C-alpha cells in the first residue's frame, strides 16, 4: 500500500488488490517496459539531496507544516521509433517523505537521501532543425505578442522558419521586432487598422508575397497561443505525409463536435492552418474579392475557408496530430495521456495550463520528454511538466485510454480523443501533484510539484531535479 494509506473504508479492498495484482504491461507498441538504470549518477555540485532551503518554496504559499520529497533525475537519450505513451520503470519515483514545519529555520536536514534516478528519453538528432520550408503568420496585438515570447521562443529561434505578425498600430513595434531578431527569431511585424478577421485573412497574401522562392513550401496561420512542442516533428511529418506541389488545405477540426456542427468542416485556426503554395497563390489572386464577399462569419479562419471552397477544388485534410483544444475546466485527462501532439492551443483561455513553463524541462531532457509519461513501482505516474499522480489501484487502470476529467458529456470529444476511461475520485482513488514551477538553475532544471490539501492542513511537495 502507498506511503500515506487510503481512507479506512477502502483499506481492506486496497490490501486485497495489492496482494493479488501483479503489475503487467499491455503488449501495445505504445506501452513499453524498461529496467531502471540504477547507476546512481553523482549528484551535481550545489544540489545537496539531503537538505532543503525553505526559501526556495516560499512562493508557493504552503501550509505551515507540509510533507516533502525530492529526486535527482538524469535523462538518458535513447533511439526510439516514436515516443511511447507510457514507460514502466522498475523503481519508485520517490522514497520517504519528510514532515517539515515552516519556522525560522533556513535550511532543513532531510531524513532520507534517495539515489539519483536515470530515465530514458527520446534521443534528438544532433543536426539543427531546418524549417525553412515554413512561414508562420499571427494576427494579434503587440501586448499579446510580447506575452507569447516564451512559448514562441521554445520552438522557433534558429530554425530558418520565418514569422509574419500583423498587429494593431503600436509605437513600440519596431523595438520589439529588433529585440526578437537579435534572439534568433526571423520576424516581421506589420501594423494594420482592420478588424481581426480581416487582418487574419490578410496573412495569407502577406506570407505568400514573402515566400522564399522554391524553398518555402507551406504557409501556416496560427494564434499567439499556438504551441508546437517540437518543430522538428512538424517538419518531418509534413515532408512524409503531404504533397506540397498540390493545392492543400490542412489543419485540425475542433475536438468538440458541437463546435464542428456550429462552424462546419474547416481547419480550426488555433491548432495551425497549413496552406501549400499552389493553394495560397489561388487565395492571393482572389484576395480582394474574398474580402468583399458578404458572408456571415465572425472569425478569420471562417473567412479563409469560404474563400478556399469558393475559388478552389481544395478541401480540408484533417490532421488529428494538430490540436485546437476547444475544451476547458479540468483537462488533466488530456495532459496526463502521454500522447504526442504536433500542436497545442487554448492553454491560457479555455483552460489554464502554463505550457511554456511545462516545456522548460526540455532544456535538460529534450523537447520530446515534455509530457512524457513514466509509471513507477510506488504506483506513481509522472506526466513530465504537468503532474505526478499516485493511484490506489493502478493495476486496474487502462492507461491507453484518456481519463474523462472534463465535466461535459464526452460524446462531444469521442471521435477525436477516444477511447475514454472513467474519471477517478481525487480523494480516494487518485492523489495528484500539479507542477507549479520549473526553474532554470546552474546544474539543471528544478520542477516543483504540489498537492494542495483540500482541508488546508498539510500540503505535499515533490521536487524533481533534472541534471543538464
Protein backbone atom coordinates (compact mmCIF):
# COMPACT_ATOMS: atom_id res chain seq x y z
CA UNK A 1 0.00 0.00 0.00
CA UNK A 2 1.18 3.56 -0.61
CA UNK A 3 3.11 5.53 1.99
CA UNK A 4 0.12 7.60 3.16
CA UNK A 5 -2.60 4.90 3.08
CA UNK A 6 -6.08 5.50 1.80
CA UNK A 7 -9.29 6.11 3.68
CA UNK A 8 -10.31 3.34 6.05
CA UNK A 9 -13.48 2.47 4.14
CA UNK A 10 -11.39 1.18 1.24
CA UNK A 11 -8.38 -0.12 3.19
CA UNK A 12 -9.33 -3.79 3.03
CA UNK A 13 -10.07 -3.65 -0.68
CA UNK A 14 -6.74 -1.99 -1.33
CA UNK A 15 -4.78 -4.65 0.55
CA UNK A 16 -6.51 -7.42 -1.34
CA UNK A 17 -5.84 -5.70 -4.64
CA UNK A 18 -2.17 -5.24 -3.82
CA UNK A 19 -1.88 -8.90 -2.82
CA UNK A 20 -3.47 -10.35 -5.94
CA UNK A 21 -2.47 -7.89 -8.64
CA UNK A 22 0.86 -8.36 -10.38
CA UNK A 23 1.95 -5.44 -12.49
CA UNK A 24 1.94 -6.36 -16.12
CA UNK A 25 2.06 -4.17 -19.20
CA UNK A 26 -0.04 -4.33 -22.32
CA UNK A 27 1.55 -5.63 -25.50
CA UNK A 28 0.60 -2.44 -27.33
CA UNK A 29 3.53 -0.84 -29.12
CA UNK A 30 2.75 2.45 -27.38
CA UNK A 31 3.40 0.94 -23.94
CA UNK A 32 6.88 -0.35 -23.11
CA UNK A 33 8.63 -1.62 -20.01
CA UNK A 34 12.30 -0.96 -19.34
CA UNK A 35 14.63 -1.79 -16.47
CA UNK A 36 15.63 1.00 -14.12
CA UNK A 37 19.19 2.23 -14.78
CA UNK A 38 20.47 2.12 -11.22
CA UNK A 39 23.85 3.66 -11.98
CA UNK A 40 23.43 6.23 -9.19
CA UNK A 41 24.95 9.18 -11.08
CA UNK A 42 26.80 11.60 -8.84
CA UNK A 43 24.70 14.48 -7.58
CA UNK A 44 25.93 17.67 -9.25
CA UNK A 45 27.74 20.19 -7.08
CA UNK A 46 25.32 22.57 -5.37
CA UNK A 47 22.39 20.14 -5.31
CA UNK A 48 22.59 18.67 -1.84
CA UNK A 49 19.91 15.99 -1.92
CA UNK A 50 19.90 15.76 1.89
CA UNK A 51 18.88 19.31 2.80
CA UNK A 52 16.19 21.80 1.84
CA UNK A 53 16.40 25.58 1.71
CA UNK A 54 12.93 26.68 2.80
CA UNK A 55 13.22 29.99 0.97
CA UNK A 56 13.06 28.13 -2.34
CA UNK A 57 9.43 27.18 -1.60
CA UNK A 58 8.17 30.49 -0.20
CA UNK A 59 6.38 31.48 -3.40
CA UNK A 60 4.01 28.50 -3.22
CA UNK A 61 2.20 29.50 0.00
CA UNK A 62 2.33 26.04 1.51
CA UNK A 63 0.63 25.04 4.75
CA UNK A 64 2.59 25.68 7.95
CA UNK A 65 3.53 22.02 8.05
CA UNK A 66 4.00 20.10 4.80
CA UNK A 67 5.39 16.80 3.56
CA UNK A 68 8.36 16.90 1.22
CA UNK A 69 10.34 14.56 -1.01
CA UNK A 70 12.78 15.05 -3.85
CA UNK A 71 14.59 13.12 -6.55
CA UNK A 72 17.53 13.93 -8.79
CA UNK A 73 16.93 12.71 -12.34
CA UNK A 74 19.38 12.17 -15.15
CA UNK A 75 17.94 11.74 -18.64
CA UNK A 76 19.41 9.13 -20.93
CA UNK A 77 18.77 9.71 -24.66
CA UNK A 78 17.70 6.51 -26.42
CA UNK A 79 16.84 5.99 -30.09
CA UNK A 80 13.11 5.32 -30.31
CA UNK A 81 10.95 4.98 -33.47
CA UNK A 82 8.39 7.11 -31.63
CA UNK A 83 7.82 8.19 -28.05
CA UNK A 84 5.80 5.58 -26.11
CA UNK A 85 2.59 6.68 -24.43
CA UNK A 86 3.75 5.04 -21.20
CA UNK A 87 7.09 3.70 -19.98
CA UNK A 88 7.29 1.46 -16.92
CA UNK A 89 10.29 1.93 -14.65
CA UNK A 90 11.16 -0.81 -12.16
CA UNK A 91 11.87 1.54 -9.28
CA UNK A 92 9.89 4.03 -7.19
CA UNK A 93 9.80 7.68 -8.21
CA UNK A 94 10.10 8.93 -4.62
CA UNK A 95 11.21 7.34 -1.38
CA UNK A 96 10.22 8.66 2.04
CA UNK A 97 8.50 11.97 2.71
CA UNK A 98 9.78 14.31 5.43
CA UNK A 99 7.32 16.27 7.54
CA UNK A 100 8.60 19.84 7.61
CA UNK A 101 7.43 22.69 9.80
CA UNK A 102 7.87 26.22 8.49
CA UNK A 103 9.51 28.05 11.36
CA UNK A 104 12.53 30.31 11.49
CA UNK A 105 14.86 27.69 10.04
CA UNK A 106 16.56 28.47 6.74
CA UNK A 107 17.98 25.04 6.00
CA UNK A 108 16.24 21.79 6.91
CA UNK A 109 18.10 18.49 7.04
CA UNK A 110 16.12 15.77 5.28
CA UNK A 111 15.69 12.37 6.83
CA UNK A 112 16.30 10.42 3.61
CA UNK A 113 18.56 10.84 0.61
CA UNK A 114 17.23 8.88 -2.35
CA UNK A 115 19.74 7.79 -5.01
CA UNK A 116 19.56 9.56 -8.35
CA UNK A 117 17.28 8.08 -11.00
CA UNK A 118 18.04 7.72 -14.71
CA UNK A 119 15.12 7.85 -17.15
CA UNK A 120 15.17 7.03 -20.84
CA UNK A 121 14.04 9.87 -23.14
CA UNK A 122 13.84 10.03 -26.94
CA UNK A 123 17.20 10.92 -28.48
CA UNK A 124 17.32 14.07 -30.62
CA UNK A 125 19.30 14.37 -33.87
CA UNK A 126 22.46 16.42 -33.46
CA UNK A 127 21.73 18.35 -36.64
CA UNK A 128 19.73 21.53 -36.05
CA UNK A 129 16.19 21.53 -37.35
CA UNK A 130 15.74 23.12 -40.79
CA UNK A 131 12.22 24.56 -41.01
CA UNK A 132 12.95 26.87 -43.95
CA UNK A 133 10.00 25.31 -45.82
CA UNK A 134 7.60 27.02 -43.39
CA UNK A 135 6.45 30.62 -42.98
CA UNK A 136 4.25 31.27 -39.94
CA UNK A 137 1.71 34.07 -39.53
CA UNK A 138 -0.08 35.53 -36.50
CA UNK A 139 -2.73 38.25 -36.17
CA UNK A 140 -2.64 39.75 -32.68
CA UNK A 141 -1.71 42.82 -30.62
CA UNK A 142 1.77 43.83 -29.54
CA UNK A 143 0.91 43.23 -25.89
CA UNK A 144 -0.26 39.68 -26.58
CA UNK A 145 2.75 39.04 -28.81
CA UNK A 146 5.15 40.02 -26.04
CA UNK A 147 3.22 37.85 -23.60
CA UNK A 148 3.74 34.95 -26.03
CA UNK A 149 7.50 35.31 -26.23
CA UNK A 150 8.42 32.35 -24.02
CA UNK A 151 6.21 29.88 -25.86
CA UNK A 152 7.34 31.05 -29.33
CA UNK A 153 10.99 31.10 -28.27
CA UNK A 154 10.66 27.43 -27.29
CA UNK A 155 10.25 26.24 -30.88
CA UNK A 156 11.05 28.98 -33.43
CA UNK A 157 14.55 30.53 -32.93
CA UNK A 158 17.39 29.49 -35.24
CA UNK A 159 15.19 27.13 -37.28
CA UNK A 160 15.26 29.10 -40.59
CA UNK A 161 11.47 29.46 -40.41
CA UNK A 162 10.00 32.94 -40.78
CA UNK A 163 7.27 34.69 -38.79
CA UNK A 164 4.96 37.46 -40.01
CA UNK A 165 2.91 39.22 -37.33
CA UNK A 166 0.09 41.66 -38.12
CA UNK A 167 -0.82 43.87 -35.17
CA UNK A 168 -2.92 46.89 -34.43
CA UNK A 169 -0.75 50.04 -34.58
CA UNK A 170 1.73 50.41 -31.72
CA UNK A 171 4.67 52.77 -31.27
CA UNK A 172 6.96 50.01 -29.97
CA UNK A 173 6.54 47.65 -32.91
CA UNK A 174 9.99 48.29 -34.40
CA UNK A 175 11.65 47.97 -31.00
CA UNK A 176 10.07 44.59 -30.30
CA UNK A 177 10.85 43.30 -33.79
CA UNK A 178 14.52 44.23 -33.36
CA UNK A 179 14.66 42.55 -29.95
CA UNK A 180 13.20 39.28 -31.26
CA UNK A 181 15.53 39.26 -34.27
CA UNK A 182 18.55 39.57 -32.00
CA UNK A 183 17.34 36.43 -30.23
CA UNK A 184 17.32 34.36 -33.41
CA UNK A 185 13.68 34.76 -34.50
CA UNK A 186 13.23 35.78 -38.14
CA UNK A 187 10.25 38.06 -37.53
CA UNK A 188 8.50 40.82 -39.47
CA UNK A 189 5.92 42.94 -37.63
CA UNK A 190 3.45 44.95 -39.68
CA UNK A 191 0.65 47.19 -38.47
CA UNK A 192 -2.95 47.40 -39.66
CA UNK A 193 -6.15 49.11 -38.54
CA UNK A 194 -8.51 46.48 -39.98
CA UNK A 195 -10.50 44.21 -37.70
CA UNK A 196 -9.12 40.87 -36.52
CA UNK A 197 -10.89 38.52 -39.00
CA UNK A 198 -9.71 40.55 -42.00
CA UNK A 199 -6.25 41.00 -40.52
CA UNK A 200 -6.06 37.21 -40.14
CA UNK A 201 -7.15 36.74 -43.76
CA UNK A 202 -4.55 39.32 -44.90
CA UNK A 203 -1.87 36.99 -43.53
CA UNK A 204 -2.24 34.63 -46.49
CA UNK A 205 -1.33 37.24 -49.09
CA UNK A 206 1.33 38.72 -46.82
CA UNK A 207 3.00 35.36 -46.32
CA UNK A 208 2.68 34.46 -49.99
CA UNK A 209 4.41 37.70 -51.01
CA UNK A 210 7.27 36.95 -48.60
CA UNK A 211 7.88 33.34 -49.65
CA UNK A 212 11.50 32.48 -50.41
CA UNK A 213 11.31 31.14 -53.94
CA UNK A 214 11.11 27.36 -54.14
CA UNK A 215 12.35 26.99 -50.54
CA UNK A 216 9.02 27.95 -48.97
CA UNK A 217 6.51 25.13 -49.29
CA UNK A 218 3.98 25.80 -46.52
CA UNK A 219 2.28 28.91 -45.14
CA UNK A 220 0.98 28.45 -41.60
CA UNK A 221 -1.70 30.55 -39.94
CA UNK A 222 -1.76 30.26 -36.16
CA UNK A 223 -2.81 32.09 -32.99
CA UNK A 224 -0.50 33.73 -30.49
CA UNK A 225 -1.16 30.82 -28.10
CA UNK A 226 -0.48 28.07 -30.65
CA UNK A 227 2.35 25.95 -29.28
CA UNK A 228 4.49 23.47 -31.21
CA UNK A 229 6.24 21.16 -28.70
CA UNK A 230 8.84 20.05 -31.26
CA UNK A 231 9.06 21.84 -34.62
CA UNK A 232 11.29 19.07 -35.96
CA UNK A 233 8.30 16.71 -35.84
CA UNK A 234 6.19 19.19 -37.80
CA UNK A 235 8.89 19.33 -40.50
CA UNK A 236 9.27 15.55 -40.81
CA UNK A 237 5.52 14.94 -40.51
CA UNK A 238 4.69 17.21 -43.45
CA UNK A 239 7.61 16.00 -45.54
CA UNK A 240 6.49 12.37 -45.22
CA UNK A 241 2.73 12.78 -45.40
CA UNK A 242 1.79 15.66 -47.72
CA UNK A 243 2.48 16.80 -51.29
CA UNK A 244 3.33 20.50 -51.24
CA UNK A 245 3.10 20.74 -55.06
CA UNK A 246 -0.69 20.29 -54.94
CA UNK A 247 -3.31 22.71 -53.58
CA UNK A 248 -3.57 21.54 -49.98
CA UNK A 249 -5.57 22.87 -47.02
CA UNK A 250 -4.54 21.06 -43.83
CA UNK A 251 -5.47 21.54 -40.20
CA UNK A 252 -7.44 20.23 -37.23
CA UNK A 253 -11.12 20.01 -36.69
CA UNK A 254 -12.23 21.04 -33.24
CA UNK A 255 -12.13 18.09 -30.85
CA UNK A 256 -15.51 19.36 -29.66
CA UNK A 257 -18.08 18.03 -32.14
CA UNK A 258 -20.55 20.72 -31.08
CA UNK A 259 -18.12 23.32 -32.43
CA UNK A 260 -17.84 21.40 -35.71
CA UNK A 261 -21.63 21.33 -36.05
CA UNK A 262 -21.75 25.05 -35.39
CA UNK A 263 -18.94 26.22 -37.67
CA UNK A 264 -18.75 23.49 -40.29
CA UNK A 265 -15.95 21.45 -41.85
CA UNK A 266 -12.96 23.74 -41.70
CA UNK A 267 -9.49 23.96 -40.19
CA UNK A 268 -9.84 25.48 -36.73
CA UNK A 269 -7.06 28.05 -36.69
CA UNK A 270 -5.62 27.64 -33.22
CA UNK A 271 -4.14 24.23 -33.97
CA UNK A 272 -2.42 25.61 -37.06
CA UNK A 273 -3.75 26.01 -40.63
CA UNK A 274 -1.26 24.81 -43.27
CA UNK A 275 -1.60 26.01 -46.87
CA UNK A 276 0.54 24.77 -49.75
CA UNK A 277 1.96 27.42 -52.06
CA UNK A 278 -0.29 26.46 -55.02
CA UNK A 279 -3.39 26.98 -52.86
CA UNK A 280 -2.01 30.19 -51.35
CA UNK A 281 -1.46 31.50 -54.86
CA UNK A 282 -5.15 30.99 -55.62
CA UNK A 283 -6.24 32.68 -52.38
CA UNK A 284 -3.91 35.63 -53.01
CA UNK A 285 -5.30 36.03 -56.55
CA UNK A 286 -8.85 36.30 -55.13
CA UNK A 287 -7.84 38.23 -52.01
CA UNK A 288 -9.79 41.44 -52.67
CA UNK A 289 -12.82 39.58 -53.96
CA UNK A 290 -12.99 37.37 -50.88
CA UNK A 291 -12.74 40.38 -48.58
CA UNK A 292 -15.76 41.99 -50.27
CA UNK A 293 -17.95 38.93 -50.06
CA UNK A 294 -20.92 39.33 -47.73
CA UNK A 295 -20.64 36.14 -45.71
CA UNK A 296 -21.90 35.63 -42.19
CA UNK A 297 -18.57 34.97 -40.49
CA UNK A 298 -17.07 36.23 -37.28
CA UNK A 299 -13.63 34.61 -37.39
CA UNK A 300 -10.70 34.76 -39.78
CA UNK A 301 -10.49 31.01 -40.25
CA UNK A 302 -14.14 31.05 -41.38
CA UNK A 303 -13.39 33.79 -43.91
CA UNK A 304 -10.47 31.71 -45.16
CA UNK A 305 -12.48 28.51 -45.67
CA UNK A 306 -15.21 30.38 -47.57
CA UNK A 307 -12.60 31.74 -49.95
CA UNK A 308 -10.94 28.35 -50.42
CA UNK A 309 -14.17 26.45 -51.07
CA UNK A 310 -15.49 29.09 -53.48
CA UNK A 311 -12.37 29.56 -55.58
CA UNK A 312 -10.55 26.23 -55.50
CA UNK A 313 -11.16 22.49 -55.56
CA UNK A 314 -9.09 22.01 -52.37
CA UNK A 315 -10.93 20.56 -49.40
CA UNK A 316 -9.85 20.17 -45.82
CA UNK A 317 -7.38 17.43 -44.99
CA UNK A 318 -7.88 16.79 -41.27
CA UNK A 319 -4.69 16.16 -39.31
CA UNK A 320 -5.50 14.68 -35.91
CA UNK A 321 -1.99 15.34 -34.60
CA UNK A 322 -2.79 19.07 -34.63
CA UNK A 323 -4.98 20.16 -31.71
CA UNK A 324 -7.45 23.04 -31.48
CA UNK A 325 -8.38 22.04 -27.90
CA UNK A 326 -11.85 23.54 -27.60
CA UNK A 327 -12.42 22.29 -24.08
CA UNK A 328 -12.00 23.71 -20.62
CA UNK A 329 -12.12 23.15 -16.87
CA UNK A 330 -10.20 20.04 -15.82
CA UNK A 331 -8.01 19.00 -18.78
CA UNK A 332 -5.75 16.70 -16.75
CA UNK A 333 -7.01 13.66 -18.67
CA UNK A 334 -5.56 15.05 -21.89
CA UNK A 335 -2.26 16.25 -20.43
CA UNK A 336 -1.77 13.01 -18.49
CA UNK A 337 -2.47 10.80 -21.52
CA UNK A 338 1.16 10.56 -22.64
CA UNK A 339 0.09 11.11 -26.24
CA UNK A 340 2.33 13.14 -28.52
CA UNK A 341 0.91 16.22 -30.25
CA UNK A 342 2.19 18.39 -33.09
CA UNK A 343 0.42 21.44 -31.64
CA UNK A 344 -1.42 22.63 -28.53
CA UNK A 345 -3.80 25.56 -28.12
CA UNK A 346 -6.12 27.50 -25.78
CA UNK A 347 -3.88 26.88 -22.76
CA UNK A 348 -4.37 30.41 -21.40
CA UNK A 349 -8.01 30.99 -22.32
CA UNK A 350 -10.37 27.97 -22.38
CA UNK A 351 -8.32 26.31 -19.64
CA UNK A 352 -5.21 27.22 -17.67
CA UNK A 353 -2.04 25.20 -18.12
CA UNK A 354 1.25 27.05 -18.28
CA UNK A 355 2.54 25.16 -21.32
CA UNK A 356 5.75 27.21 -21.76
CA UNK A 357 6.63 26.61 -18.11
CA UNK A 358 5.95 22.90 -18.54
CA UNK A 359 8.21 22.86 -21.59
CA UNK A 360 11.21 24.37 -19.80
CA UNK A 361 12.36 20.90 -18.76
CA UNK A 362 13.20 20.29 -22.45
CA UNK A 363 16.47 22.07 -21.78
CA UNK A 364 17.55 19.09 -19.67
CA UNK A 365 15.92 16.16 -21.48
CA UNK A 366 14.97 17.34 -24.98
CA UNK A 367 11.64 18.51 -26.45
CA UNK A 368 10.15 15.03 -26.65
CA UNK A 369 10.39 14.48 -22.89
CA UNK A 370 7.82 17.23 -22.28
CA UNK A 371 4.62 15.47 -21.13
CA UNK A 372 6.38 12.11 -21.48
CA UNK A 373 4.84 9.60 -19.09
CA UNK A 374 6.51 7.07 -16.78
CA UNK A 375 4.91 4.58 -14.34
CA UNK A 376 6.85 3.61 -11.21
CA UNK A 377 6.66 0.81 -8.66
CA UNK A 378 5.28 3.13 -5.96
CA UNK A 379 2.07 3.43 -8.03
CA UNK A 380 3.06 6.90 -9.16
CA UNK A 381 2.86 8.19 -12.74
CA UNK A 382 4.89 11.19 -13.86
CA UNK A 383 3.48 13.23 -16.74
CA UNK A 384 6.57 15.35 -17.20
CA UNK A 385 5.91 19.04 -16.73
CA UNK A 386 2.26 18.59 -15.81
CA UNK A 387 1.68 16.29 -12.84
CA UNK A 388 2.60 13.37 -10.64
CA UNK A 389 -0.35 11.12 -9.84
CA UNK A 390 -0.45 8.32 -7.26
CA UNK A 391 -3.11 5.66 -7.84
CA UNK A 392 -4.85 3.47 -5.28
CA UNK A 393 -5.48 0.58 -7.69
CA UNK A 394 -3.06 1.18 -10.54
CA UNK A 395 -3.32 -2.38 -11.81
CA UNK A 396 -6.93 -1.91 -12.84
CA UNK A 397 -6.31 1.19 -14.98
CA UNK A 398 -6.20 1.11 -18.79
CA UNK A 399 -3.56 3.75 -19.45
CA UNK A 400 -4.16 3.59 -23.21
CA UNK A 401 -7.46 5.43 -22.62
CA UNK A 402 -7.80 9.07 -21.60
CA UNK A 403 -9.27 9.73 -18.17
CA UNK A 404 -12.54 11.58 -18.70
CA UNK A 405 -11.88 14.52 -16.39
CA UNK A 406 -13.90 17.04 -18.41
CA UNK A 407 -17.32 17.64 -16.84
CA UNK A 408 -19.27 17.68 -20.11
CA UNK A 409 -20.60 14.60 -21.87
CA UNK A 410 -17.60 13.04 -23.53
CA UNK A 411 -19.53 12.11 -26.70
CA UNK A 412 -18.56 15.55 -27.98
CA UNK A 413 -14.88 14.60 -27.85
CA UNK A 414 -15.01 10.86 -28.52
CA UNK A 415 -14.22 10.93 -32.24
CA UNK A 416 -11.08 12.98 -31.71
CA UNK A 417 -9.80 11.86 -28.32
CA UNK A 418 -11.33 8.47 -27.52
CA UNK A 419 -11.18 5.96 -26.01
CA UNK A 420 -12.01 7.35 -22.57
CA UNK A 421 -11.97 5.77 -19.14
CA UNK A 422 -13.97 6.83 -16.10
CA UNK A 423 -12.65 9.73 -14.03
CA UNK A 424 -11.21 8.79 -10.65
CA UNK A 425 -12.17 10.21 -7.26
CA UNK A 426 -9.36 12.63 -6.29
CA UNK A 427 -9.88 11.94 -2.57
CA UNK A 428 -9.99 8.15 -2.73
CA UNK A 429 -8.53 6.78 -5.96
CA UNK A 430 -6.02 9.30 -7.31
CA UNK A 431 -3.72 11.63 -5.39
CA UNK A 432 -2.34 14.36 -7.70
CA UNK A 433 0.58 16.76 -7.53
CA UNK A 434 0.44 19.58 -10.09
CA UNK A 435 3.60 21.14 -11.47
CA UNK A 436 3.66 24.76 -10.28
CA UNK A 437 7.07 25.87 -11.48
CA UNK A 438 10.15 24.84 -13.42
CA UNK A 439 13.25 26.88 -12.64
CA UNK A 440 16.50 27.16 -14.55
CA UNK A 441 19.45 26.56 -12.26
CA UNK A 442 23.16 26.22 -12.96
CA UNK A 443 23.09 22.46 -12.51
CA UNK A 444 19.80 21.81 -14.34
CA UNK A 445 16.05 22.23 -14.10
CA UNK A 446 14.15 22.18 -10.80
CA UNK A 447 10.48 21.17 -11.04
CA UNK A 448 8.10 21.77 -8.13
CA UNK A 449 5.02 19.53 -7.91
CA UNK A 450 2.47 20.33 -5.18
CA UNK A 451 -0.61 18.59 -3.82
CA UNK A 452 -2.88 21.09 -2.07
CA UNK A 453 -4.60 19.62 0.96
CA UNK A 454 -8.31 20.35 0.43
CA UNK A 455 -8.66 20.62 4.20
CA UNK A 456 -5.71 23.09 4.38
CA UNK A 457 -3.87 21.04 6.99
CA UNK A 458 -0.82 19.61 5.25
CA UNK A 459 0.26 20.15 1.65
CA UNK A 460 2.67 17.76 -0.03
CA UNK A 461 5.60 18.62 -2.31
CA UNK A 462 7.75 16.63 -4.69
CA UNK A 463 10.74 18.32 -6.29
CA UNK A 464 12.45 16.78 -9.30
CA UNK A 465 15.93 17.98 -10.20
CA UNK A 466 16.79 17.27 -13.84
CA UNK A 467 20.53 17.27 -14.46
CA UNK A 468 21.72 19.19 -17.52
